Amino acid sequence: MTEAVAVPREAPGVARYPSTKTLELWVREGLGYILDIVEVKGRFKVRPKDLTTFLGIGDIGTLTRFGKVLALVERAGLAVRWNRSRPGRYSLVPKDLWKRYAEVCGRARFNCKEDGSPCGLIGTCPYWRVVEYVRCYYGNGGRG
């Protein structure tokens, strides 16, 4: 007789991490929202609830993804969280980099290329820094 081979399962309650491709899409969406919020507010302080307040987006999934993107931006060193309670409030740092990013990428919306980018922010651009952070810490199944 042949016995059924038991397939190992994850323990209950173990969080599954999204793929790096999904995280990169979330980062693109979230940074677009950050640019919109900074443009409307005129300040470099962002919180997830700003999507509802300033952009009229009330979808809970979008708000959750935006909060996760803000946490990734903080872990990549491009924001400082001001409170440890929920909802979080973040200040975007360094402000000079974010000002340049808002000016240049606000018009192009992530149309930069690896070589010969018109913006000249490749390597320092917040989008590329967060994407590289995601690839580094979540690319090989890492737990960040």
C-alpha atoms as a PDB file:
ATOM      1  CA  MET A   1       0.000   0.000   0.000  1.00  0.00           C
ATOM      2  CA  THR A   2       1.065   3.495  -0.652  1.00  0.00           C
ATOM      3  CA  GLU A   3       0.757   5.994   2.118  1.00  0.00           C
ATOM      4  CA  ALA A   4      -0.299   9.554   1.589  1.00  0.00           C
ATOM      5  CA  VAL A   5       2.546  11.955   2.019  1.00  0.00           C
ATOM      6  CA  ALA A   6       1.739  14.666   4.498  1.00  0.00           C
ATOM      7  CA  VAL A   7       2.353  18.126   3.133  1.00  0.00           C
ATOM      8  CA  PRO A   8       3.910  20.362   5.764  1.00  0.00           C
ATOM      9  CA  ARG A   9       1.717  23.321   6.583  1.00  0.00           C
ATOM     10  CA  GLU A  10       2.496  26.611   8.178  1.00  0.00           C
ATOM     11  CA  ALA A  11       1.633  26.892  11.814  1.00  0.00           C
ATOM     12  CA  PRO A  12      -1.642  28.682  12.481  1.00  0.00           C
ATOM     13  CA  GLY A  13      -1.209  32.363  13.122  1.00  0.00           C
ATOM     14  CA  VAL A  14       1.982  32.653  11.059  1.00  0.00           C
ATOM     15  CA  ALA A  15       1.837  35.803   8.959  1.00  0.00           C
ATOM     16  CA  ARG A  16       2.361  35.383   5.256  1.00  0.00           C
ATOM     17  CA  TYR A  17       4.354  38.081   3.554  1.00  0.00           C
ATOM     18  CA  PRO A  18       3.352  39.408   0.156  1.00  0.00           C
ATOM     19  CA  SER A  19       5.685  38.825  -2.757  1.00  0.00           C
ATOM     20  CA  THR A  20       8.283  41.436  -3.609  1.00  0.00           C
ATOM     21  CA  LYS A  21       6.415  42.245  -6.825  1.00  0.00           C
ATOM     22  CA  THR A  22       3.265  42.982  -4.803  1.00  0.00           C
ATOM     23  CA  LEU A  23       5.233  45.103  -2.330  1.00  0.00           C
ATOM     24  CA  GLU A  24       6.782  47.062  -5.210  1.00  0.00           C
ATOM     25  CA  LEU A  25       3.299  47.799  -6.582  1.00  0.00           C
ATOM     26  CA  TRP A  26       2.191  48.909  -3.109  1.00  0.00           C
ATOM     27  CA  VAL A  27       5.250  51.188  -2.859  1.00  0.00           C
ATOM     28  CA  ARG A  28       4.478  52.760  -6.233  1.00  0.00           C
ATOM     29  CA  GLU A  29       0.865  53.355  -5.207  1.00  0.00           C
ATOM     30  CA  GLY A  30       1.792  54.598  -1.722  1.00  0.00           C
ATOM     31  CA  LEU A  31       4.482  57.006  -2.881  1.00  0.00           C
ATOM     32  CA  GLY A  32       2.034  58.407  -5.417  1.00  0.00           C
ATOM     33  CA  TYR A  33      -0.359  59.081  -2.549  1.00  0.00           C
ATOM     34  CA  ILE A  34       2.470  60.652  -0.519  1.00  0.00           C
ATOM     35  CA  LEU A  35       3.225  63.023  -3.402  1.00  0.00           C
ATOM     36  CA  ASP A  36      -0.458  63.961  -3.663  1.00  0.00           C
ATOM     37  CA  ILE A  37      -0.774  64.534   0.087  1.00  0.00           C
ATOM     38  CA  VAL A  38       2.397  66.664   0.248  1.00  0.00           C
ATOM     39  CA  GLU A  39       1.123  68.722  -2.676  1.00  0.00           C
ATOM     40  CA  VAL A  40      -2.280  69.292  -1.061  1.00  0.00           C
ATOM     41  CA  LYS A  41      -1.053  69.833   2.527  1.00  0.00           C
ATOM     42  CA  GLY A  42       2.133  71.682   1.727  1.00  0.00           C
ATOM     43  CA  ARG A  43       3.843  69.881   4.643  1.00  0.00           C
ATOM     44  CA  PHE A  44       6.059  66.834   4.920  1.00  0.00           C
ATOM     45  CA  LYS A  45       4.060  65.198   7.707  1.00  0.00           C
ATOM     46  CA  VAL A  46       1.913  62.279   6.588  1.00  0.00           C
ATOM     47  CA  ARG A  47      -0.440  59.838   8.257  1.00  0.00           C
ATOM     48  CA  PRO A  48      -2.648  57.113   6.774  1.00  0.00           C
ATOM     49  CA  LYS A  49      -5.835  59.025   7.583  1.00  0.00           C
ATOM     50  CA  ASP A  50      -4.699  61.822   5.250  1.00  0.00           C
ATOM     51  CA  LEU A  51      -5.935  59.666   2.364  1.00  0.00           C
ATOM     52  CA  THR A  52      -9.484  60.110   3.627  1.00  0.00           C
ATOM     53  CA  THR A  53      -9.105  63.694   4.773  1.00  0.00           C
ATOM     54  CA  PHE A  54      -7.355  65.189   1.744  1.00  0.00           C
ATOM     55  CA  LEU A  55      -7.923  62.747  -1.130  1.00  0.00           C
ATOM     56  CA  GLY A  56     -11.327  61.308  -0.239  1.00  0.00           C
ATOM     57  CA  ILE A  57     -10.172  57.672  -0.300  1.00  0.00           C
ATOM     58  CA  GLY A  58     -12.040  55.683   2.351  1.00  0.00           C
ATOM     59  CA  ASP A  59     -11.335  52.093   1.272  1.00  0.00           C
ATOM     60  CA  ILE A  60      -9.982  50.191   4.289  1.00  0.00           C
ATOM     61  CA  GLY A  61      -7.705  48.041   2.117  1.00  0.00           C
ATOM     62  CA  THR A  62      -6.099  51.094   0.547  1.00  0.00           C
ATOM     63  CA  LEU A  63      -5.656  52.724   3.953  1.00  0.00           C
ATOM     64  CA  THR A  64      -4.020  49.547   5.294  1.00  0.00           C
ATOM     65  CA  ARG A  65      -1.655  49.247   2.329  1.00  0.00           C
ATOM     66  CA  PHE A  66      -0.747  52.924   2.669  1.00  0.00           C
ATOM     67  CA  GLY A  67       0.071  52.442   6.356  1.00  0.00           C
ATOM     68  CA  LYS A  68       2.302  49.490   5.454  1.00  0.00           C
ATOM     69  CA  VAL A  69       4.071  51.549   2.806  1.00  0.00           C
ATOM     70  CA  LEU A  70       4.667  54.331   5.325  1.00  0.00           C
ATOM     71  CA  ALA A  71       6.200  51.743   7.662  1.00  0.00           C
ATOM     72  CA  LEU A  72       8.469  50.549   4.823  1.00  0.00           C
ATOM     73  CA  VAL A  73       9.493  54.148   4.104  1.00  0.00           C
ATOM     74  CA  GLU A  74      10.382  54.529   7.774  1.00  0.00           C
ATOM     75  CA  ARG A  75      12.412  51.305   7.817  1.00  0.00           C
ATOM     76  CA  ALA A  76      14.257  52.446   4.692  1.00  0.00           C
ATOM     77  CA  GLY A  77      15.329  55.564   6.634  1.00  0.00           C
ATOM     78  CA  LEU A  78      13.220  58.109   4.746  1.00  0.00           C
ATOM     79  CA  ALA A  79      10.720  58.934   7.493  1.00  0.00           C
ATOM     80  CA  VAL A  80      10.517  59.305  11.242  1.00  0.00           C
ATOM     81  CA  ARG A  81       7.509  58.023  13.150  1.00  0.00           C
ATOM     82  CA  TRP A  82       6.387  60.448  15.857  1.00  0.00           C
ATOM     83  CA  ASN A  83       4.155  58.188  17.885  1.00  0.00           C
ATOM     84  CA  ARG A  84       4.121  54.501  18.664  1.00  0.00           C
ATOM     85  CA  SER A  85       0.370  54.278  18.934  1.00  0.00           C
ATOM     86  CA  ARG A  86      -2.069  53.903  16.093  1.00  0.00           C
ATOM     87  CA  PRO A  87      -2.640  55.617  13.751  1.00  0.00           C
ATOM     88  CA  GLY A  88       0.953  56.498  13.024  1.00  0.00           C
ATOM     89  CA  ARG A  89       2.239  59.931  12.096  1.00  0.00           C
ATOM     90  CA  TYR A  90       5.353  60.272   9.996  1.00  0.00           C
ATOM     91  CA  SER A  91       7.677  63.115   9.032  1.00  0.00           C
ATOM     92  CA  LEU A  92       9.454  62.645   5.730  1.00  0.00           C
ATOM     93  CA  VAL A  93      13.220  63.131   6.033  1.00  0.00           C
ATOM     94  CA  PRO A  94      15.481  64.532   4.603  1.00  0.00           C
ATOM     95  CA  LYS A  95      13.175  67.328   3.492  1.00  0.00           C
ATOM     96  CA  ASP A  96      15.481  68.529   0.710  1.00  0.00           C
ATOM     97  CA  LEU A  97      15.357  65.106  -0.947  1.00  0.00           C
ATOM     98  CA  TRP A  98      11.571  64.899  -0.620  1.00  0.00           C
ATOM     99  CA  LYS A  99      11.158  68.449  -2.015  1.00  0.00           C
ATOM    100  CA  ARG A 100      13.241  67.563  -5.061  1.00  0.00           C
ATOM    101  CA  TYR A 101      11.389  64.258  -5.402  1.00  0.00           C
ATOM    102  CA  ALA A 102       7.995  66.012  -5.230  1.00  0.00           C
ATOM    103  CA  GLU A 103       9.075  68.558  -7.842  1.00  0.00           C
ATOM    104  CA  VAL A 104      10.575  66.120 -10.321  1.00  0.00           C
ATOM    105  CA  CYS A 105       8.599  62.930  -9.854  1.00  0.00           C
ATOM    106  CA  GLY A 106       5.325  64.719  -9.236  1.00  0.00           C
ATOM    107  CA  ARG A 107       5.193  65.454 -12.950  1.00  0.00           C
ATOM    108  CA  ALA A 108       6.730  62.243 -14.287  1.00  0.00           C
ATOM    109  CA  ARG A 109       5.071  59.751 -11.855  1.00  0.00           C
ATOM    110  CA  PHE A 110       7.762  57.068 -11.785  1.00  0.00           C
ATOM    111  CA  ASN A 111       8.741  57.244 -15.452  1.00  0.00           C
ATOM    112  CA  CYS A 112      12.423  57.162 -14.601  1.00  0.00           C
ATOM    113  CA  LYS A 113      14.807  54.689 -16.167  1.00  0.00           C
ATOM    114  CA  GLU A 114      17.951  53.033 -14.902  1.00  0.00           C
ATOM    115  CA  ASP A 115      20.235  54.985 -17.251  1.00  0.00           C
ATOM    116  CA  GLY A 116      19.863  58.550 -18.415  1.00  0.00           C
ATOM    117  CA  SER A 117      17.054  59.456 -16.085  1.00  0.00           C
ATOM    118  CA  PRO A 118      15.762  62.979 -16.653  1.00  0.00           C
ATOM    119  CA  CYS A 119      15.457  63.582 -12.911  1.00  0.00           C
ATOM    120  CA  GLY A 120      18.964  62.589 -11.839  1.00  0.00           C
ATOM    121  CA  LEU A 121      17.713  61.067  -8.559  1.00  0.00           C
ATOM    122  CA  ILE A 122      18.596  57.441  -9.359  1.00  0.00           C
ATOM    123  CA  GLY A 123      20.274  55.975  -6.297  1.00  0.00           C
ATOM    124  CA  THR A 124      18.937  58.618  -3.935  1.00  0.00           C
ATOM    125  CA  CYS A 125      15.318  58.678  -5.112  1.00  0.00           C
ATOM    126  CA  PRO A 126      12.886  57.600  -2.351  1.00  0.00           C
ATOM    127  CA  TYR A 127      11.129  55.228  -4.752  1.00  0.00           C
ATOM    128  CA  TRP A 128      14.320  53.381  -5.624  1.00  0.00           C
ATOM    129  CA  ARG A 129      15.553  53.333  -2.014  1.00  0.00           C
ATOM    130  CA  VAL A 130      12.321  51.779  -0.722  1.00  0.00           C
ATOM    131  CA  VAL A 131      12.213  49.268  -3.600  1.00  0.00           C
ATOM    132  CA  GLU A 132      15.822  48.265  -2.906  1.00  0.00           C
ATOM    133  CA  TYR A 133      14.953  47.871   0.782  1.00  0.00           C
ATOM    134  CA  VAL A 134      12.026  45.615  -0.154  1.00  0.00           C
ATOM    135  CA  ARG A 135      14.193  43.533  -2.496  1.00  0.00           C
ATOM    136  CA  CYS A 136      16.936  43.217   0.115  1.00  0.00           C
ATOM    137  CA  TYR A 137      14.814  42.270   3.127  1.00  0.00           C
ATOM    138  CA  TYR A 138      11.829  40.555   1.540  1.00  0.00           C
ATOM    139  CA  GLY A 139      13.350  39.229  -1.691  1.00  0.00           C
ATOM    140  CA  ASN A 140      14.611  35.878  -0.446  1.00  0.00           C
ATOM    141  CA  GLY A 141      11.853  35.129   1.996  1.00  0.00           C
ATOM    142  CA  GLY A 142      13.454  37.316   4.630  1.00  0.00           C
ATOM    143  CA  ARG A 143      11.341  38.518   7.478  1.00  0.00           C
ATOM    144  CA  GLY A 144      12.504  42.154   7.416  1.00  0.00           C
END
